[in-house]
Amino acid sequence: MIKFIIPAVVIFLIVLFWDNINEKIYSKFNIKINNIAVIILFFAMGLIFVLLYF
């Protein structure tokens, strides 16, 4: 039960504080985290589709 609750809480906190996380990373590294998240999401989906195809 704990292995399902902890990731759910972590994901909830990331979604809740996404703007604050994005602003801190932008001020430190001068890059928007939204762009990186979209690229990682597309890469992961592409990898899943390739694995399902073969």
N, C-alpha and C. Protein backbone atom coordinates (compact mmCIF):
# COMPACT_ATOMS: atom_id res chain seq x y z
N MET A 1 0.83 -1.19 0.00
CA MET A 1 0.00 0.00 0.00
C MET A 1 0.87 1.26 0.00
N ILE A 2 1.97 1.23 0.74
CA ILE A 2 2.87 2.39 0.81
C ILE A 2 3.47 2.67 -0.56
N LYS A 3 3.77 1.63 -1.34
CA LYS A 3 4.41 1.83 -2.64
C LYS A 3 3.48 2.51 -3.63
N PHE A 4 2.18 2.56 -3.36
CA PHE A 4 1.25 3.29 -4.21
C PHE A 4 0.98 4.69 -3.68
N ILE A 5 1.03 4.87 -2.39
CA ILE A 5 0.71 6.17 -1.79
C ILE A 5 1.85 7.17 -1.98
N ILE A 6 3.08 6.74 -1.76
CA ILE A 6 4.23 7.66 -1.85
C ILE A 6 4.38 8.25 -3.25
N PRO A 7 4.38 7.46 -4.33
CA PRO A 7 4.47 8.10 -5.67
C PRO A 7 3.28 9.00 -5.98
N ALA A 8 2.09 8.65 -5.50
CA ALA A 8 0.93 9.50 -5.74
C ALA A 8 1.10 10.85 -5.05
N VAL A 9 1.61 10.85 -3.84
CA VAL A 9 1.84 12.10 -3.11
C VAL A 9 2.93 12.93 -3.80
N VAL A 10 3.98 12.28 -4.25
CA VAL A 10 5.08 12.99 -4.93
C VAL A 10 4.57 13.63 -6.22
N ILE A 11 3.82 12.89 -7.02
CA ILE A 11 3.27 13.44 -8.26
C ILE A 11 2.30 14.58 -7.96
N PHE A 12 1.48 14.43 -6.93
CA PHE A 12 0.55 15.50 -6.54
C PHE A 12 1.31 16.77 -6.15
N LEU A 13 2.39 16.63 -5.39
CA LEU A 13 3.16 17.80 -4.98
C LEU A 13 3.87 18.45 -6.16
N ILE A 14 4.36 17.66 -7.10
CA ILE A 14 4.99 18.23 -8.30
C ILE A 14 3.97 19.02 -9.11
N VAL A 15 2.79 18.46 -9.29
CA VAL A 15 1.75 19.18 -10.03
C VAL A 15 1.32 20.44 -9.28
N LEU A 16 1.21 20.35 -7.98
CA LEU A 16 0.77 21.48 -7.17
C LEU A 16 1.76 22.65 -7.22
N PHE A 17 3.05 22.34 -7.15
CA PHE A 17 4.08 23.38 -7.10
C PHE A 17 4.84 23.52 -8.41
N TRP A 18 4.21 23.17 -9.55
CA TRP A 18 4.91 23.19 -10.84
C TRP A 18 5.38 24.60 -11.19
N ASP A 19 4.60 25.61 -10.96
CA ASP A 19 5.00 26.97 -11.30
C ASP A 19 6.22 27.42 -10.48
N ASN A 20 6.23 27.11 -9.20
CA ASN A 20 7.38 27.48 -8.36
C ASN A 20 8.64 26.74 -8.81
N ILE A 21 8.53 25.47 -9.13
CA ILE A 21 9.68 24.69 -9.60
C ILE A 21 10.18 25.27 -10.92
N ASN A 22 9.26 25.59 -11.80
CA ASN A 22 9.63 26.14 -13.11
C ASN A 22 10.35 27.48 -12.97
N GLU A 23 9.87 28.34 -12.09
CA GLU A 23 10.50 29.65 -11.90
C GLU A 23 11.90 29.53 -11.32
N LYS A 24 12.08 28.63 -10.35
CA LYS A 24 13.42 28.47 -9.74
C LYS A 24 14.42 27.92 -10.74
N ILE A 25 14.02 26.97 -11.55
CA ILE A 25 14.93 26.42 -12.55
C ILE A 25 15.22 27.45 -13.63
N TYR A 26 14.21 28.24 -14.02
CA TYR A 26 14.43 29.27 -15.02
C TYR A 26 15.38 30.34 -14.51
N SER A 27 15.28 30.71 -13.25
CA SER A 27 16.17 31.74 -12.73
C SER A 27 17.60 31.23 -12.57
N LYS A 28 17.76 29.93 -12.31
CA LYS A 28 19.10 29.37 -12.14
C LYS A 28 19.78 29.06 -13.46
N PHE A 29 19.07 28.37 -14.36
CA PHE A 29 19.69 27.86 -15.58
C PHE A 29 19.22 28.58 -16.84
N ASN A 30 18.28 29.51 -16.72
CA ASN A 30 17.74 30.27 -17.85
C ASN A 30 17.17 29.36 -18.93
N ILE A 31 16.45 28.33 -18.51
CA ILE A 31 15.79 27.43 -19.44
C ILE A 31 14.45 27.04 -18.85
N LYS A 32 13.45 26.96 -19.70
CA LYS A 32 12.11 26.59 -19.24
C LYS A 32 12.03 25.08 -19.10
N ILE A 33 11.55 24.60 -17.99
CA ILE A 33 11.44 23.17 -17.72
C ILE A 33 10.29 22.58 -18.53
N ASN A 34 9.32 23.39 -18.95
CA ASN A 34 8.20 22.88 -19.74
C ASN A 34 8.69 22.27 -21.06
N ASN A 35 9.67 22.91 -21.68
CA ASN A 35 10.21 22.39 -22.94
C ASN A 35 10.87 21.04 -22.72
N ILE A 36 11.63 20.92 -21.67
CA ILE A 36 12.31 19.66 -21.36
C ILE A 36 11.30 18.57 -21.04
N ALA A 37 10.26 18.91 -20.30
CA ALA A 37 9.25 17.92 -19.93
C ALA A 37 8.52 17.41 -21.17
N VAL A 38 8.23 18.28 -22.11
CA VAL A 38 7.54 17.86 -23.34
C VAL A 38 8.44 16.96 -24.18
N ILE A 39 9.71 17.29 -24.28
CA ILE A 39 10.64 16.46 -25.04
C ILE A 39 10.78 15.09 -24.41
N ILE A 40 10.90 15.02 -23.09
CA ILE A 40 11.01 13.73 -22.40
C ILE A 40 9.73 12.92 -22.57
N LEU A 41 8.59 13.58 -22.51
CA LEU A 41 7.31 12.89 -22.68
C LEU A 41 7.20 12.28 -24.08
N PHE A 42 7.54 13.04 -25.12
CA PHE A 42 7.48 12.51 -26.47
C PHE A 42 8.48 11.38 -26.68
N PHE A 43 9.66 11.51 -26.11
CA PHE A 43 10.67 10.45 -26.22
C PHE A 43 10.18 9.18 -25.55
N ALA A 44 9.60 9.29 -24.37
CA ALA A 44 9.11 8.11 -23.65
C ALA A 44 7.95 7.47 -24.41
N MET A 45 7.05 8.28 -24.94
CA MET A 45 5.93 7.72 -25.71
C MET A 45 6.43 7.03 -26.98
N GLY A 46 7.40 7.62 -27.64
CA GLY A 46 7.98 7.00 -28.83
C GLY A 46 8.65 5.69 -28.50
N LEU A 47 9.37 5.65 -27.39
CA LEU A 47 10.03 4.42 -26.96
C LEU A 47 9.01 3.33 -26.65
N ILE A 48 7.93 3.70 -25.99
CA ILE A 48 6.88 2.73 -25.67
C ILE A 48 6.25 2.20 -26.96
N PHE A 49 5.96 3.07 -27.91
CA PHE A 49 5.38 2.62 -29.16
C PHE A 49 6.32 1.71 -29.94
N VAL A 50 7.61 2.01 -29.93
CA VAL A 50 8.59 1.16 -30.62
C VAL A 50 8.65 -0.21 -29.94
N LEU A 51 8.64 -0.23 -28.63
CA LEU A 51 8.69 -1.52 -27.92
C LEU A 51 7.41 -2.32 -28.15
N LEU A 52 6.28 -1.65 -28.26
CA LEU A 52 5.03 -2.36 -28.52
C LEU A 52 4.96 -2.88 -29.95
N TYR A 53 5.61 -2.19 -30.87
CA TYR A 53 5.58 -2.59 -32.27
C TYR A 53 6.38 -3.87 -32.50
N PHE A 54 7.53 -3.99 -31.85
CA PHE A 54 8.40 -5.16 -32.07
C PHE A 54 8.16 -6.24 -31.10
